Structure formats: C-alpha cells, structure tokens
C-alpha cells in the first residue's frame, strides 16, 4: 500500500463511521414502524453476529476461552441489549433526531461512571463545566424546548422514553467501561461477534416474554421495515463496525472518537430530509449545548493523547 492509500484509507473509513452510524437512527425508526422493536433488534444482532463469527471462523480464527465468552456476554447485554434495545423501543414514540440528541450525552455518563478517573476528572474545571453544560442541554430539550422539539413532560409515553433512553445511556457507558477494565483474550472481531450474539439471545428472551413472536404477523411487516433492518445489519453492525476498528488501528483513539460529535448531526439531518421529522431551533440549541459539554469533558483526553499518544477507547455507537 502506497503513502497516498495509507492516508486516504483511514479517512474514508472514518467518514463511513460518521455517516453510517449517524444514519442508523433513521433506519431504526423505519424498522420499528411495522415490527416490534425488541424483536427487530434481536434479528439485527443475531444476524450480524452470526455473519461476523462465520467470517472469523472461515478465516481460521480460533474460538477464545470461556472467560472471553462470559465477558463478551456481559458487555453485549449492557451495550447492545439494554442500550440499543432501549433506543429501538423509544423510537416507536420519539423522532429519530430527538433520540440521537439525547443519546449524545453518553460520554458524560461515561465520565460520571469512570470511578478510576474521578480524582483526575473532578479536579478539572473543564470536566466539571462540561458535565454541567451537557446535562443542561438535555434539560433544555425536555423542558424549555417544549413544543419546539416536539417533546412534552406531560406525555406519558415520551416521558417513559426519556427514562428508557437514560437507563440505556447509563448501561452503554457502564458496559464500555467494564469492557475496557476487563480485557480478555481473543480478536476484536471474535469478541464483537460474541457480543452481538449474546445480545441477540437476551433480546430473543425479552421479546418472547413480551409476546412479540406470537403476536407478529410477518405478512404485515412492510418492505420499508425489512429495508431498515437489512441496512442495520449490513451497514450499521458490519461495515460500520469494521470501519471503526480500522480507524482505531490507524489513528489515535482521541481523533477517532470525534465520530461521536458527527453522528447526532447526521441523524437530525436525515430525519428531517428523508422522514420529514421536525427540525427546529430548539433542537439545534439542545444539540449544540450537549456537544459543547461533551467536547469540554473530552478535552482533557485530547490533551493527554497529544503527549502520551493514548487515551481510553470510546464506546461504540449504534
């Protein structure tokens, strides 16, 4: 590979992550229109996990030891079952763009839950200011934003979605920290496939208990929903994930993590352009405030990366 290819390859993969993971919010919204959300996300991760594991085995990668299965299962349930499952359920009642803006606060939860770095974080005015600023953006969205962002605290379903998204965000942050703190043997792709398959099993049980499998009429599932699910499997869980791993292998983690600032912008724009979701000044204000807070919290990590070349790897998105 020549120098030009080495330069453009990671950039192309980075742009793919920014766009593909930002577009998954709209794809989820399409998929859950005529398909139960937990059943849909179960099919997504089961299919993607099986395909990725099959690819790894064809390449000759060995299966990891039992502790890798256990750690991958815990991480997969926390991130993909609770985190993405909660997002999929919430998008039945919330516009995809608004859900993406609320989830932009995930890095703030990571800072709060990362106990090992509390002393360093909470002695830094930028981190404290960023946390307060980021959460004030969420508060603005669901209170002062009011009808301008099409959210109401008096709407029971939307209020429940806010709670579900908050629990999902905390679970995603905790699962990311747990994964970083408990490294186990096995390739990244093997562990990723096991995470998806574990989430698929947990979501299958949850959707079975809720009666999704007995009540669904497959003939009534629209082509739009099947298209959204296929997009999530191929572009969200396979191409997007592999592209992100490639970016991390070529760029510093702090530089690669900036995809998290782009995803909600892409989600809001696509929701407006394709699904005719409302696009308001209130949404832009909330998004700008949250992202400003996230950037302040992460500014210390960027500072460290310039001196040490290493920072914690951020959580994967959608």
Protein backbone atom coordinates (compact mmCIF):
# COMPACT_ATOMS: atom_id res chain seq x y z
CA UNK A 1 0.00 0.00 0.00
CA UNK A 2 1.49 3.36 -1.03
CA UNK A 3 1.56 6.51 1.12
CA UNK A 4 -1.49 8.02 -0.58
CA UNK A 5 -3.58 4.90 0.10
CA UNK A 6 -2.40 4.83 3.73
CA UNK A 7 -3.53 8.44 4.07
CA UNK A 8 -6.94 8.15 2.40
CA UNK A 9 -7.91 4.72 3.72
CA UNK A 10 -8.46 5.69 7.38
CA UNK A 11 -10.16 8.94 6.35
CA UNK A 12 -12.62 7.07 4.12
CA UNK A 13 -13.34 4.60 6.94
CA UNK A 14 -13.81 7.48 9.41
CA UNK A 15 -16.30 9.21 7.13
CA UNK A 16 -18.14 5.88 6.76
CA UNK A 17 -18.44 5.62 10.55
CA UNK A 18 -19.70 9.20 10.84
CA UNK A 19 -22.37 8.74 8.19
CA UNK A 20 -23.36 5.09 8.71
CA UNK A 21 -23.68 5.23 12.48
CA UNK A 22 -25.46 8.57 12.24
CA UNK A 23 -27.91 7.07 9.75
CA UNK A 24 -28.78 4.09 11.96
CA UNK A 25 -31.19 6.24 13.98
CA UNK A 26 -33.34 6.74 10.89
CA UNK A 27 -33.00 3.07 9.92
CA UNK A 28 -34.23 2.03 13.37
CA UNK A 29 -37.17 4.40 13.03
CA UNK A 30 -38.08 2.77 9.71
CA UNK A 31 -37.64 -0.78 11.00
CA UNK A 32 -39.88 -0.38 14.06
CA UNK A 33 -42.82 1.03 12.08
CA UNK A 34 -44.30 -2.42 11.47
CA UNK A 35 -42.00 -4.66 13.52
CA UNK A 36 -41.84 -4.92 17.35
CA UNK A 37 -38.68 -3.08 18.45
CA UNK A 38 -37.14 -5.80 20.64
CA UNK A 39 -37.84 -8.49 18.05
CA UNK A 40 -36.34 -6.28 15.35
CA UNK A 41 -33.15 -5.55 17.29
CA UNK A 42 -32.91 -9.27 18.19
CA UNK A 43 -32.91 -10.15 14.48
CA UNK A 44 -30.37 -7.41 13.78
CA UNK A 45 -27.72 -8.54 16.24
CA UNK A 46 -28.35 -12.25 15.78
CA UNK A 47 -27.85 -11.97 12.02
CA UNK A 48 -24.87 -9.60 12.23
CA UNK A 49 -23.20 -11.64 14.98
CA UNK A 50 -23.64 -14.92 13.10
CA UNK A 51 -22.26 -13.43 9.87
CA UNK A 52 -19.24 -11.88 11.62
CA UNK A 53 -18.49 -15.05 13.60
CA UNK A 54 -18.80 -17.16 10.45
CA UNK A 55 -16.36 -14.85 8.65
CA UNK A 56 -13.87 -15.15 11.52
CA UNK A 57 -14.10 -18.95 11.55
CA UNK A 58 -13.66 -19.14 7.77
CA UNK A 59 -10.50 -17.06 8.18
CA UNK A 60 -9.27 -19.67 10.62
CA UNK A 61 -9.51 -17.66 13.84
CA UNK A 62 -9.75 -19.94 16.89
CA UNK A 63 -12.61 -19.68 19.38
CA UNK A 64 -11.50 -17.88 22.56
CA UNK A 65 -11.53 -19.34 26.11
CA UNK A 66 -14.64 -19.41 28.30
CA UNK A 67 -13.84 -16.14 30.11
CA UNK A 68 -13.97 -14.32 26.77
CA UNK A 69 -17.48 -15.71 26.18
CA UNK A 70 -18.57 -14.53 29.66
CA UNK A 71 -17.08 -11.03 29.34
CA UNK A 72 -18.45 -10.63 25.82
CA UNK A 73 -21.90 -11.69 27.02
CA UNK A 74 -21.89 -9.12 29.85
CA UNK A 75 -20.67 -6.36 27.53
CA UNK A 76 -23.10 -7.33 24.77
CA UNK A 77 -26.12 -7.31 27.08
CA UNK A 78 -25.15 -3.96 28.63
CA UNK A 79 -24.35 -2.17 25.37
CA UNK A 80 -26.49 -3.78 22.71
CA UNK A 81 -29.42 -5.32 24.58
CA UNK A 82 -30.13 -2.58 27.14
CA UNK A 83 -28.52 0.33 25.27
CA UNK A 84 -29.60 -0.28 21.68
CA UNK A 85 -32.71 -2.16 22.72
CA UNK A 86 -33.86 0.85 24.71
CA UNK A 87 -33.14 3.14 21.78
CA UNK A 88 -35.13 0.95 19.38
CA UNK A 89 -38.11 0.84 21.75
CA UNK A 90 -38.01 4.61 22.29
CA UNK A 91 -38.01 5.36 18.58
CA UNK A 92 -41.51 3.95 18.35
CA UNK A 93 -42.65 7.13 20.14
CA UNK A 94 -39.85 9.67 19.56
CA UNK A 95 -38.42 11.16 16.35
CA UNK A 96 -35.03 9.63 15.49
CA UNK A 97 -33.31 13.02 15.58
CA UNK A 98 -34.51 13.81 19.10
CA UNK A 99 -33.41 10.36 20.34
CA UNK A 100 -29.98 10.92 18.79
CA UNK A 101 -29.61 14.29 20.53
CA UNK A 102 -30.49 12.81 23.93
CA UNK A 103 -28.01 9.97 23.41
CA UNK A 104 -25.28 12.47 22.53
CA UNK A 105 -24.86 12.77 26.32
CA UNK A 106 -23.47 9.20 26.63
CA UNK A 107 -19.84 10.41 27.03
CA UNK A 108 -20.99 12.49 30.00
CA UNK A 109 -22.32 9.37 31.71
CA UNK A 110 -19.01 7.67 30.99
CA UNK A 111 -17.17 10.45 32.82
CA UNK A 112 -19.51 10.13 35.81
CA UNK A 113 -19.26 6.33 35.98
CA UNK A 114 -15.49 6.06 35.38
CA UNK A 115 -14.61 5.91 39.06
CA UNK A 116 -10.95 5.16 38.39
CA UNK A 117 -10.57 8.67 36.93
CA UNK A 118 -12.82 10.60 39.36
CA UNK A 119 -9.92 12.32 41.11
CA UNK A 120 -8.46 13.46 37.80
CA UNK A 121 -11.81 14.38 36.26
CA UNK A 122 -13.42 16.26 39.13
CA UNK A 123 -10.34 18.32 39.85
CA UNK A 124 -10.51 19.65 36.29
CA UNK A 125 -12.77 22.70 35.81
CA UNK A 126 -13.29 21.81 32.13
CA UNK A 127 -14.69 18.39 33.01
CA UNK A 128 -16.99 19.78 35.71
CA UNK A 129 -18.14 22.61 33.44
CA UNK A 130 -18.65 20.20 30.54
CA UNK A 131 -20.78 17.84 32.64
CA UNK A 132 -22.99 20.70 33.85
CA UNK A 133 -23.24 22.17 30.36
CA UNK A 134 -24.03 18.85 28.67
CA UNK A 135 -26.77 17.86 31.09
CA UNK A 136 -28.23 21.36 30.93
CA UNK A 137 -28.65 20.76 27.20
CA UNK A 138 -30.70 17.63 27.89
CA UNK A 139 -32.76 19.50 30.49
CA UNK A 140 -33.39 22.28 27.96
CA UNK A 141 -34.57 19.77 25.36
CA UNK A 142 -37.18 18.18 27.60
CA UNK A 143 -38.34 21.29 29.46
CA UNK A 144 -37.64 24.69 27.91
CA UNK A 145 -37.58 23.19 24.42
CA UNK A 146 -41.21 22.18 24.78
CA UNK A 147 -43.22 22.00 21.58
CA UNK A 148 -40.31 23.41 19.56
CA UNK A 149 -38.64 19.99 19.86
CA UNK A 150 -41.93 18.05 19.94
CA UNK A 151 -41.37 16.71 23.45
CA UNK A 152 -43.67 17.11 26.43
CA UNK A 153 -43.18 16.04 30.04
CA UNK A 154 -46.96 15.67 30.18
CA UNK A 155 -46.87 12.96 27.51
CA UNK A 156 -46.55 9.70 29.46
CA UNK A 157 -45.09 7.76 26.54
CA UNK A 158 -42.44 10.37 25.80
CA UNK A 159 -41.55 10.70 29.48
CA UNK A 160 -41.16 6.93 29.69
CA UNK A 161 -38.92 7.06 26.60
CA UNK A 162 -36.73 9.64 28.31
CA UNK A 163 -36.34 7.27 31.27
CA UNK A 164 -35.60 4.31 28.98
CA UNK A 165 -33.02 6.30 26.99
CA UNK A 166 -31.37 7.43 30.23
CA UNK A 167 -31.15 3.86 31.52
CA UNK A 168 -29.86 2.74 28.13
CA UNK A 169 -27.23 5.51 28.13
CA UNK A 170 -26.04 4.54 31.61
CA UNK A 171 -25.91 0.86 30.63
CA UNK A 172 -23.95 1.70 27.45
CA UNK A 173 -21.46 3.78 29.45
CA UNK A 174 -21.09 1.12 32.16
CA UNK A 175 -20.66 -1.66 29.61
CA UNK A 176 -17.99 0.33 27.78
CA UNK A 177 -16.05 0.95 30.98
CA UNK A 178 -16.41 -2.70 32.04
CA UNK A 179 -15.09 -3.86 28.69
CA UNK A 180 -12.06 -1.58 28.91
CA UNK A 181 -11.29 -2.57 32.51
CA UNK A 182 -11.56 -6.35 31.96
CA UNK A 183 -9.54 -7.25 28.85
CA UNK A 184 -9.73 -10.89 27.77
CA UNK A 185 -8.05 -12.98 25.04
CA UNK A 186 -9.50 -13.11 21.55
CA UNK A 187 -9.57 -10.95 18.44
CA UNK A 188 -11.67 -7.81 18.33
CA UNK A 189 -13.89 -9.31 15.64
CA UNK A 190 -14.47 -12.55 17.56
CA UNK A 191 -15.39 -10.61 20.70
CA UNK A 192 -17.62 -8.27 18.70
CA UNK A 193 -19.49 -11.20 17.17
CA UNK A 194 -19.96 -12.79 20.60
CA UNK A 195 -21.27 -9.51 21.98
CA UNK A 196 -23.86 -9.30 19.22
CA UNK A 197 -24.90 -12.94 19.56
CA UNK A 198 -25.23 -12.59 23.35
CA UNK A 199 -27.40 -9.52 22.90
CA UNK A 200 -29.46 -11.41 20.33
CA UNK A 201 -30.14 -14.22 22.81
CA UNK A 202 -31.10 -11.79 25.60
CA UNK A 203 -33.35 -9.82 23.26
CA UNK A 204 -34.97 -13.02 22.00
CA UNK A 205 -35.91 -13.95 25.57
CA UNK A 206 -37.20 -10.43 26.29
CA UNK A 207 -39.26 -10.28 23.09
CA UNK A 208 -40.58 -13.79 23.75
CA UNK A 209 -41.73 -12.81 27.25
CA UNK A 210 -43.45 -9.73 25.81
CA UNK A 211 -45.29 -11.89 23.30
CA UNK A 212 -43.72 -10.28 20.23
CA UNK A 213 -43.14 -13.59 18.44
CA UNK A 214 -46.67 -14.87 18.97
CA UNK A 215 -48.43 -11.64 18.01
CA UNK A 216 -46.42 -10.52 14.99
CA UNK A 217 -47.91 -11.01 11.53
CA UNK A 218 -44.95 -11.36 9.18
CA UNK A 219 -47.17 -10.64 6.18
CA UNK A 220 -47.88 -7.18 7.60
CA UNK A 221 -44.22 -6.24 8.03
CA UNK A 222 -43.60 -3.62 5.37
CA UNK A 223 -40.80 -3.62 2.83
CA UNK A 224 -39.64 -0.36 4.45
CA UNK A 225 -39.17 -2.11 7.78
CA UNK A 226 -37.30 -5.02 6.18
CA UNK A 227 -35.14 -2.49 4.38
CA UNK A 228 -34.37 -0.68 7.62
CA UNK A 229 -33.45 -3.94 9.33
CA UNK A 230 -31.22 -5.03 6.43
CA UNK A 231 -29.48 -1.66 6.50
CA UNK A 232 -28.83 -2.01 10.24
CA UNK A 233 -27.35 -5.49 9.83
CA UNK A 234 -25.13 -4.70 6.86
CA UNK A 235 -24.18 -1.05 7.23
CA UNK A 236 -24.68 -0.43 10.94
CA UNK A 237 -23.38 -3.62 12.55
CA UNK A 238 -20.95 -4.99 9.95
CA UNK A 239 -19.48 -2.30 7.68
CA UNK A 240 -19.70 0.44 10.32
CA UNK A 241 -18.10 -1.71 13.00
CA UNK A 242 -15.27 -2.97 10.77
CA UNK A 243 -14.60 0.58 9.55
CA UNK A 244 -14.35 1.81 13.13
CA UNK A 245 -11.85 -0.93 14.05
CA UNK A 246 -9.77 0.05 11.02
CA UNK A 247 -9.80 3.72 12.01
CA UNK A 248 -8.66 2.84 15.54
CA UNK A 249 -5.76 0.83 14.11
CA UNK A 250 -4.56 3.81 12.08
CA UNK A 251 -5.43 6.89 14.15
CA UNK A 252 -5.07 7.90 17.81
CA UNK A 253 -8.19 6.96 19.76
CA UNK A 254 -8.93 10.59 20.64
CA UNK A 255 -9.00 11.54 16.96
CA UNK A 256 -11.13 8.54 16.02
CA UNK A 257 -13.61 9.29 18.82
CA UNK A 258 -14.72 12.54 17.17
CA UNK A 259 -17.26 10.49 15.19
CA UNK A 260 -19.46 10.90 18.29
CA UNK A 261 -19.79 14.63 17.54
CA UNK A 262 -20.93 13.97 13.96
CA UNK A 263 -23.46 11.14 14.46
CA UNK A 264 -26.28 13.22 16.02
CA UNK A 265 -25.89 15.92 13.38
CA UNK A 266 -26.24 13.30 10.63
CA UNK A 267 -29.22 11.73 12.45
CA UNK A 268 -31.06 15.03 12.81
CA UNK A 269 -30.46 16.00 9.17
CA UNK A 270 -31.50 12.62 7.73
CA UNK A 271 -34.58 12.51 9.93
CA UNK A 272 -35.62 15.87 8.51
CA UNK A 273 -34.63 15.21 4.88
CA UNK A 274 -35.95 11.65 4.49
CA UNK A 275 -38.57 11.08 7.16
CA UNK A 276 -39.91 14.67 7.33
CA UNK A 277 -39.18 14.83 11.05
CA UNK A 278 -39.48 18.32 12.57
CA UNK A 279 -36.31 20.38 12.54
CA UNK A 280 -36.38 23.31 14.94
CA UNK A 281 -34.18 25.94 16.52
CA UNK A 282 -34.80 24.25 19.88
CA UNK A 283 -33.22 21.02 18.63
CA UNK A 284 -30.16 22.86 17.34
CA UNK A 285 -29.74 24.70 20.64
CA UNK A 286 -30.03 21.49 22.66
CA UNK A 287 -27.63 19.64 20.34
CA UNK A 288 -25.09 22.47 20.38
CA UNK A 289 -25.14 22.71 24.18
CA UNK A 290 -24.79 18.94 24.68
CA UNK A 291 -21.94 18.62 22.17
CA UNK A 292 -20.15 21.61 23.70
CA UNK A 293 -20.33 19.86 27.06
CA UNK A 294 -19.06 16.59 25.59
CA UNK A 295 -16.15 18.37 23.92
CA UNK A 296 -15.20 20.06 27.21
CA UNK A 297 -15.28 16.74 29.07
CA UNK A 298 -13.14 15.08 26.38
CA UNK A 299 -10.73 17.99 26.01
CA UNK A 300 -8.52 16.57 28.78
CA UNK A 301 -8.29 13.25 26.92
CA UNK A 302 -7.28 15.05 23.73
CA UNK A 303 -4.64 16.94 25.69
CA UNK A 304 -3.26 13.70 27.12
CA UNK A 305 -3.28 11.98 23.73
CA UNK A 306 -1.00 14.65 22.27
CA UNK A 307 1.54 13.92 24.98
CA UNK A 308 1.17 10.18 25.54
CA UNK A 309 -0.50 9.03 22.31
CA UNK A 310 -3.02 7.01 24.30
CA UNK A 311 -6.47 7.61 25.73
CA UNK A 312 -9.30 5.24 26.64
CA UNK A 313 -11.16 3.89 23.63
CA UNK A 314 -14.67 5.42 23.48
CA UNK A 315 -17.87 3.45 23.39
CA UNK A 316 -19.06 2.14 20.06
CA UNK A 317 -22.21 3.74 18.68
CA UNK A 318 -25.22 2.04 17.07
